[in-house]
Amino acid sequence: MQKVIIDSDWGGDVLQLSSLLLARPQEYRILGATVTFGNSSHDQNLLNAGSMLKLMNMDRCIPRFPGARAPDGMKEQPEGDGAHGLTGLGKIEPELPSTEPASIDSVDFILETIASEPADSVIIVATGPQTNIAKAIRKDPVTMQRTKQIRIMGGCTAPIKGYRVDKDLNRISDQPIQRFGNITEYAEFNFQQAPDDAMTVLKSGIQICLFPMNCTHQMTFTNARQAKLAETFQDAGAIKNLIIGLHSSARFIDFQKFGIAPTLHDVHTTASMIRPELYTGRWGTVDVVTDANAPDFGYTSFEPNPNGLHWVADTIKDPDAVFDLLIKALKQTILYEPLAV
């Protein structure tokens, strides 16, 4: 059985990636949910983690741990872009969790878990700013070398067609431009929020599987996929609208900046564990611009190298197959009995 820690700014995307593992309890076990700042504040994300786990009938089975409130060494989290609203869940208000967070910090939980499990047996799925993981590496790099792999959604390693917008997200022009990120024209949100922490993780020597924006943008929540999801949950009452809303929270910003339906970013970190043949990628080395005064602050570059430690996804070969995988997992984890762990 593959053991997994999920580290994120928990929202609808993390519901998706978690459901894929929880739908296969004989193959995967989620050891804990570690929480960071990101699309919302740390405290809101900690609450969201409880709500997402409760929606999947797992809030009493999987503990959640408080973590980073800002990049390592900073007191306040950087300004975001409001892509998922103030709560990180758009306009959705899920049921509040019925359990309290664990008392120990995410960094301590990660280190204690990696130390107590056999070497190369735990995968970390990290789909927010990389601060919790970076702090664990800085605190105890020897223990962290026992990690089997870190699977990250972050960065952008190839240009994406998009548009230039103002601070209110109004398009300045309908003339397309090349974008290398979503929060700025040069930077993807997760890496831009804490680039030094991202670089600590990337340079750690731990094997990295990276899913950058230029890959994840290949699967969006189209009207056809929304209809398929609605049909799946047609007899689930209010849950149907909740699930659709969680998939749609970035609709406005994705349309304004890219002219596309909401992107389903994080799910590929775990879908690719289950169906690796649906993805292609290359080995190499990823770098991030960490100079806050640079115009391309947070920009991601990729140098192919067959001997590199970073595997970077570039293609989703069959997005519909991935989405069908997701629908089946959501149905099993949300509508059926609680799953054994």
Protein backbone atom coordinates (compact mmCIF):
# COMPACT_ATOMS: atom_id res chain seq x y z
CA MET A 1 0.00 0.00 0.00
CA GLN A 2 1.31 3.43 -0.95
CA LYS A 3 1.25 5.94 1.92
CA VAL A 4 0.70 9.62 1.14
CA ILE A 5 0.80 12.99 2.91
CA ILE A 6 -1.22 15.74 1.23
CA ASP A 7 0.18 19.23 1.79
CA SER A 8 -1.89 22.07 0.37
CA ASP A 9 -4.00 25.21 0.74
CA TRP A 10 -6.99 22.92 0.87
CA GLY A 11 -9.85 23.72 -1.49
CA GLY A 12 -11.90 22.11 -4.24
CA ASP A 13 -8.82 20.99 -6.16
CA VAL A 14 -7.63 19.01 -3.15
CA LEU A 15 -11.04 17.38 -2.82
CA GLN A 16 -10.51 16.09 -6.34
CA LEU A 17 -6.99 14.74 -5.93
CA SER A 18 -7.80 13.18 -2.54
CA SER A 19 -10.91 11.42 -3.79
CA LEU A 20 -8.85 9.50 -6.35
CA LEU A 21 -6.75 7.95 -3.58
CA LEU A 22 -9.61 7.43 -1.12
CA ALA A 23 -11.58 5.54 -3.77
CA ARG A 24 -8.78 2.94 -3.73
CA PRO A 25 -8.30 2.09 -0.03
CA GLN A 26 -6.52 -1.17 -0.82
CA GLU A 27 -3.84 0.71 -2.77
CA TYR A 28 -3.42 4.10 -1.07
CA ARG A 29 -3.57 5.49 2.45
CA ILE A 30 -3.59 9.20 3.24
CA LEU A 31 -1.65 9.59 6.49
CA GLY A 32 -2.46 13.24 7.10
CA ALA A 33 -3.57 16.57 5.67
CA THR A 34 -0.99 19.29 6.23
CA VAL A 35 -2.15 22.86 5.63
CA THR A 36 -0.50 26.00 4.32
CA PHE A 37 -1.48 29.53 3.37
CA GLY A 38 -2.31 30.05 -0.30
CA ASN A 39 -5.56 30.76 -2.09
CA SER A 40 -6.90 31.87 1.29
CA SER A 41 -5.42 32.41 4.75
CA HIS A 42 -3.93 29.53 6.67
CA ASP A 43 -6.78 29.49 9.20
CA GLN A 44 -9.42 29.44 6.49
CA ASN A 45 -7.57 26.67 4.66
CA LEU A 46 -7.34 24.65 7.87
CA LEU A 47 -11.11 24.93 8.19
CA ASN A 48 -11.52 24.06 4.51
CA ALA A 49 -9.42 20.93 4.97
CA GLY A 50 -11.82 19.73 7.63
CA SER A 51 -14.81 20.50 5.42
CA MET A 52 -13.35 18.72 2.40
CA LEU A 53 -12.47 15.66 4.47
CA LYS A 54 -15.96 15.64 5.98
CA LEU A 55 -17.51 15.82 2.52
CA MET A 56 -15.57 12.65 1.70
CA ASN A 57 -16.61 11.00 4.99
CA MET A 58 -13.00 11.00 6.19
CA ASP A 59 -12.71 13.84 8.72
CA ARG A 60 -12.61 11.36 11.62
CA CYS A 61 -10.07 9.14 9.85
CA ILE A 62 -7.51 11.57 8.45
CA PRO A 63 -5.97 14.14 10.84
CA ARG A 64 -5.29 17.69 9.66
CA PHE A 65 -2.34 19.72 10.86
CA PRO A 66 -1.78 23.49 11.08
CA GLY A 67 1.18 24.73 9.09
CA ALA A 68 2.73 27.74 7.42
CA ARG A 69 0.96 31.09 7.62
CA ALA A 70 3.44 32.81 5.30
CA PRO A 71 6.64 32.00 3.40
CA ASP A 72 9.47 30.90 5.67
CA GLY A 73 11.01 33.97 7.28
CA MET A 74 8.03 36.25 6.54
CA LYS A 75 5.29 37.38 8.92
CA GLU A 76 2.52 37.94 6.37
CA GLN A 77 1.49 35.96 3.33
CA PRO A 78 1.92 37.74 -0.01
CA GLU A 79 -1.00 39.33 -1.77
CA GLY A 80 -2.91 36.85 -3.91
CA ASP A 81 -5.22 37.33 -6.87
CA GLY A 82 -8.54 36.21 -5.38
CA ALA A 83 -8.83 33.39 -7.91
CA HIS A 84 -10.96 31.32 -5.53
CA GLY A 85 -12.57 34.11 -3.51
CA LEU A 86 -11.91 35.10 0.08
CA THR A 87 -12.51 31.60 1.44
CA GLY A 88 -10.61 29.70 -1.25
CA LEU A 89 -13.84 27.90 -2.15
CA GLY A 90 -15.52 30.49 -4.34
CA LYS A 91 -19.10 31.09 -3.19
CA ILE A 92 -19.50 27.60 -1.80
CA GLU A 93 -20.15 27.11 1.93
CA PRO A 94 -19.67 23.44 2.78
CA GLU A 95 -20.60 21.88 6.08
CA LEU A 96 -18.21 22.74 8.89
CA PRO A 97 -15.91 19.97 10.17
CA SER A 98 -16.98 18.01 13.24
CA THR A 99 -13.40 17.40 14.43
CA GLU A 100 -10.63 19.68 15.66
CA PRO A 101 -7.20 20.00 14.00
CA ALA A 102 -4.30 18.08 15.48
CA SER A 103 -2.16 19.86 18.04
CA ILE A 104 1.24 19.34 16.39
CA ASP A 105 2.57 21.42 13.53
CA SER A 106 2.66 20.22 9.92
CA VAL A 107 6.47 20.28 9.82
CA ASP A 108 6.76 18.08 12.92
CA PHE A 109 4.12 15.70 11.60
CA ILE A 110 5.91 15.38 8.27
CA LEU A 111 9.28 14.72 9.89
CA GLU A 112 7.91 12.29 12.47
CA THR A 113 6.03 10.38 9.79
CA ILE A 114 8.95 10.16 7.35
CA ALA A 115 11.25 9.06 10.20
CA SER A 116 8.89 6.37 11.48
CA GLU A 117 7.95 4.82 8.12
CA PRO A 118 10.37 2.74 6.05
CA ALA A 119 12.65 4.76 3.81
CA ASP A 120 11.24 5.47 0.33
CA SER A 121 7.73 4.50 1.39
CA VAL A 122 5.96 7.89 1.71
CA ILE A 123 4.97 10.21 -1.12
CA ILE A 124 4.19 13.86 -0.42
CA VAL A 125 1.61 15.48 -2.69
CA ALA A 126 2.19 19.24 -2.46
CA THR A 127 -0.23 21.51 -4.31
CA GLY A 128 0.13 24.89 -2.61
CA PRO A 129 3.09 27.11 -1.70
CA GLN A 130 5.95 24.79 -0.75
CA THR A 131 6.67 26.32 2.67
CA ASN A 132 5.79 23.38 4.94
CA ILE A 133 7.96 21.02 2.89
CA ALA A 134 10.83 23.53 2.68
CA LYS A 135 10.78 24.10 6.44
CA ALA A 136 10.92 20.34 7.04
CA ILE A 137 13.91 20.05 4.69
CA ARG A 138 15.73 22.92 6.42
CA LYS A 139 15.00 21.51 9.87
CA ASP A 140 16.05 17.92 9.16
CA PRO A 141 17.40 17.32 5.65
CA VAL A 142 18.62 13.82 6.51
CA THR A 143 15.17 12.61 7.51
CA MET A 144 13.57 14.22 4.48
CA GLN A 145 15.90 12.25 2.19
CA ARG A 146 13.87 9.20 3.23
CA THR A 147 10.90 10.61 1.27
CA LYS A 148 10.08 8.50 -1.77
CA GLN A 149 8.90 11.38 -3.94
CA ILE A 150 7.28 14.80 -3.90
CA ARG A 151 4.52 15.39 -6.45
CA ILE A 152 3.97 19.11 -6.99
CA MET A 153 1.50 21.25 -8.87
CA GLY A 154 3.43 24.45 -9.56
CA GLY A 155 5.28 26.57 -12.05
CA CYS A 156 4.85 26.98 -15.79
CA THR A 157 7.53 25.57 -18.08
CA ALA A 158 6.14 26.62 -21.48
CA PRO A 159 4.14 29.64 -22.68
CA ILE A 160 0.33 29.63 -22.61
CA LYS A 161 -1.94 31.75 -24.77
CA GLY A 162 -3.60 34.37 -22.59
CA TYR A 163 -4.51 38.01 -22.15
CA ARG A 164 -3.21 41.03 -20.27
CA VAL A 165 -5.52 42.25 -17.49
CA ASP A 166 -5.59 45.18 -15.07
CA LYS A 167 -5.74 44.99 -11.27
CA ASP A 168 -9.52 44.50 -11.44
CA LEU A 169 -9.09 41.61 -13.89
CA ASN A 170 -10.49 43.57 -16.81
CA ARG A 171 -8.79 42.68 -20.09
CA ILE A 172 -6.60 45.52 -21.27
CA SER A 173 -6.80 44.18 -24.81
CA ASP A 174 -8.31 41.25 -26.66
CA GLN A 175 -4.99 40.79 -28.41
CA PRO A 176 -3.57 37.45 -27.15
CA ILE A 177 -0.17 37.38 -25.46
CA GLN A 178 2.11 34.64 -24.20
CA ARG A 179 1.71 34.13 -20.46
CA PHE A 180 4.00 32.07 -18.23
CA GLY A 181 1.75 32.18 -15.19
CA ASN A 182 -1.63 32.97 -13.70
CA ILE A 183 -1.00 35.35 -10.81
CA THR A 184 1.29 37.44 -13.05
CA GLU A 185 2.17 37.16 -16.72
CA TYR A 186 5.46 35.54 -15.67
CA ALA A 187 4.63 33.42 -12.65
CA GLU A 188 2.36 30.63 -11.50
CA PHE A 189 0.67 31.22 -8.13
CA ASN A 190 2.12 28.42 -5.97
CA PHE A 191 5.73 29.14 -6.88
CA GLN A 192 5.34 32.93 -6.96
CA GLN A 193 3.93 33.05 -3.43
CA ALA A 194 7.04 31.44 -1.92
CA PRO A 195 9.77 31.02 -4.57
CA ASP A 196 12.61 30.55 -2.08
CA ASP A 197 10.70 27.72 -0.47
CA ALA A 198 9.99 26.20 -3.89
CA MET A 199 13.69 26.30 -4.70
CA THR A 200 14.58 24.63 -1.40
CA VAL A 201 12.31 21.74 -2.34
CA LEU A 202 13.53 21.57 -5.93
CA LYS A 203 17.19 21.56 -4.83
CA SER A 204 16.68 19.05 -2.00
CA GLY A 205 17.81 16.00 -3.98
CA ILE A 206 14.43 14.35 -3.41
CA GLN A 207 12.80 13.05 -6.59
CA ILE A 208 10.24 15.57 -7.87
CA CYS A 209 7.27 15.02 -10.20
CA LEU A 210 6.08 18.45 -11.31
CA PHE A 211 2.77 19.30 -12.96
CA PRO A 212 3.12 22.83 -14.34
CA MET A 213 0.35 25.08 -15.63
CA ASN A 214 1.13 24.40 -19.28
CA CYS A 215 0.22 20.77 -18.58
CA THR A 216 -2.74 21.27 -16.23
CA HIS A 217 -4.38 23.80 -18.58
CA GLN A 218 -5.08 20.88 -20.91
CA MET A 219 -8.03 19.80 -18.73
CA THR A 220 -10.75 22.34 -18.02
CA PHE A 221 -14.23 22.15 -16.51
CA THR A 222 -16.09 22.54 -19.78
CA ASN A 223 -19.88 22.70 -20.09
CA ALA A 224 -19.88 19.09 -21.25
CA ARG A 225 -17.91 17.94 -18.20
CA GLN A 226 -20.13 20.01 -15.92
CA ALA A 227 -23.19 18.31 -17.41
CA LYS A 228 -21.61 14.89 -16.84
CA LEU A 229 -20.84 15.77 -13.22
CA ALA A 230 -24.39 17.10 -12.72
CA GLU A 231 -25.83 13.86 -14.10
CA THR A 232 -23.67 11.82 -11.73
CA PHE A 233 -24.92 13.77 -8.70
CA GLN A 234 -28.48 14.44 -9.95
CA ASP A 235 -30.06 12.59 -7.03
CA ALA A 236 -27.74 14.06 -4.38
CA GLY A 237 -29.71 17.22 -3.62
CA ALA A 238 -27.65 20.20 -2.51
CA ILE A 239 -24.43 18.22 -2.82
CA LYS A 240 -24.71 18.42 -6.60
CA ASN A 241 -24.53 22.23 -6.62
CA LEU A 242 -21.75 22.16 -4.03
CA ILE A 243 -19.58 19.84 -6.11
CA ILE A 244 -20.18 21.82 -9.30
CA GLY A 245 -19.41 25.06 -7.45
CA LEU A 246 -16.11 23.72 -6.14
CA HIS A 247 -15.07 22.83 -9.68
CA SER A 248 -16.14 26.25 -10.96
CA SER A 249 -14.61 28.61 -8.40
CA ALA A 250 -11.92 29.99 -10.75
CA ARG A 251 -14.30 30.47 -13.70
CA PHE A 252 -14.08 34.28 -13.91
CA ILE A 253 -10.33 34.65 -13.52
CA ASP A 254 -9.49 31.79 -15.90
CA PHE A 255 -11.75 33.27 -18.56
CA GLN A 256 -10.39 36.79 -18.16
CA LYS A 257 -6.73 35.76 -18.19
CA PHE A 258 -6.86 32.80 -20.57
CA GLY A 259 -10.24 32.70 -22.28
CA ILE A 260 -10.91 29.15 -21.03
CA ALA A 261 -13.22 27.26 -18.68
CA PRO A 262 -11.99 26.71 -15.09
CA THR A 263 -8.76 24.73 -15.04
CA LEU A 264 -8.53 21.54 -12.99
CA HIS A 265 -4.95 21.85 -11.79
CA ASP A 266 -4.14 19.70 -8.77
CA VAL A 267 -5.94 16.48 -9.63
CA HIS A 268 -3.15 15.39 -11.98
CA THR A 269 -0.72 14.86 -9.10
CA THR A 270 -2.69 11.77 -8.08
CA ALA A 271 -4.46 10.83 -11.33
CA SER A 272 -0.98 10.23 -12.74
CA MET A 273 -0.20 7.84 -9.90
CA ILE A 274 -3.22 5.73 -10.83
CA ARG A 275 -3.02 6.06 -14.62
CA PRO A 276 0.56 7.09 -15.45
CA GLU A 277 0.08 6.10 -19.08
CA LEU A 278 -2.25 9.10 -19.51
CA TYR A 279 0.66 11.53 -19.09
CA THR A 280 3.94 12.26 -20.81
CA GLY A 281 6.85 14.26 -19.46
CA ARG A 282 10.60 14.77 -19.44
CA TRP A 283 13.38 14.59 -16.88
CA GLY A 284 15.46 17.66 -16.23
CA THR A 285 16.09 20.55 -13.85
CA VAL A 286 13.58 23.21 -12.83
CA ASP A 287 14.58 26.65 -11.59
CA VAL A 288 12.56 29.55 -10.18
CA VAL A 289 13.43 33.28 -10.19
CA THR A 290 13.62 34.28 -6.51
CA ASP A 291 14.74 37.92 -6.85
CA ALA A 292 11.76 39.96 -5.67
CA ASN A 293 13.01 42.96 -7.65
CA ALA A 294 13.20 41.07 -10.94
CA PRO A 295 10.41 41.79 -13.44
CA ASP A 296 9.90 38.04 -13.89
CA PHE A 297 9.83 37.23 -10.15
CA GLY A 298 8.54 33.68 -9.73
CA TYR A 299 9.25 32.67 -13.34
CA THR A 300 9.91 28.95 -13.88
CA SER A 301 12.52 27.60 -16.28
CA PHE A 302 13.17 24.01 -17.26
CA GLU A 303 16.37 22.48 -18.64
CA PRO A 304 15.86 18.96 -20.04
CA ASN A 305 18.37 16.43 -18.74
CA PRO A 306 17.82 12.65 -18.74
CA ASN A 307 19.82 12.48 -15.51
CA GLY A 308 17.86 15.22 -13.75
CA LEU A 309 15.84 14.65 -10.57
CA HIS A 310 12.80 16.59 -11.78
CA TRP A 311 10.23 14.82 -13.93
CA VAL A 312 8.07 17.51 -15.55
CA ALA A 313 4.72 16.63 -17.10
CA ASP A 314 4.00 18.21 -20.46
CA THR A 315 0.98 16.40 -21.91
CA ILE A 316 -2.31 14.95 -20.70
CA LYS A 317 -2.90 12.34 -23.39
CA ASP A 318 -6.61 11.82 -22.68
CA PRO A 319 -8.22 14.53 -20.49
CA ASP A 320 -11.65 12.89 -20.80
CA ALA A 321 -10.28 9.65 -19.35
CA VAL A 322 -8.82 11.59 -16.42
CA PHE A 323 -12.13 13.36 -15.83
CA ASP A 324 -14.04 10.07 -15.94
CA LEU A 325 -11.61 8.69 -13.36
CA LEU A 326 -12.33 11.72 -11.19
CA ILE A 327 -16.12 11.45 -11.47
CA LYS A 328 -16.08 7.80 -10.38
CA ALA A 329 -13.87 8.65 -7.41
CA LEU A 330 -16.04 11.58 -6.30
CA LYS A 331 -19.15 9.43 -6.53
CA GLN A 332 -17.61 6.65 -4.46
CA THR A 333 -16.14 8.85 -1.74
CA ILE A 334 -19.02 11.32 -1.35
CA LEU A 335 -22.17 9.27 -1.98
CA TYR A 336 -21.22 5.88 -0.56
CA GLU A 337 -20.32 4.58 2.87
CA PRO A 338 -17.12 5.81 4.58
CA LEU A 339 -14.04 4.06 3.25
CA ALA A 340 -11.74 1.96 5.41
CA VAL A 341 -8.17 3.22 5.89
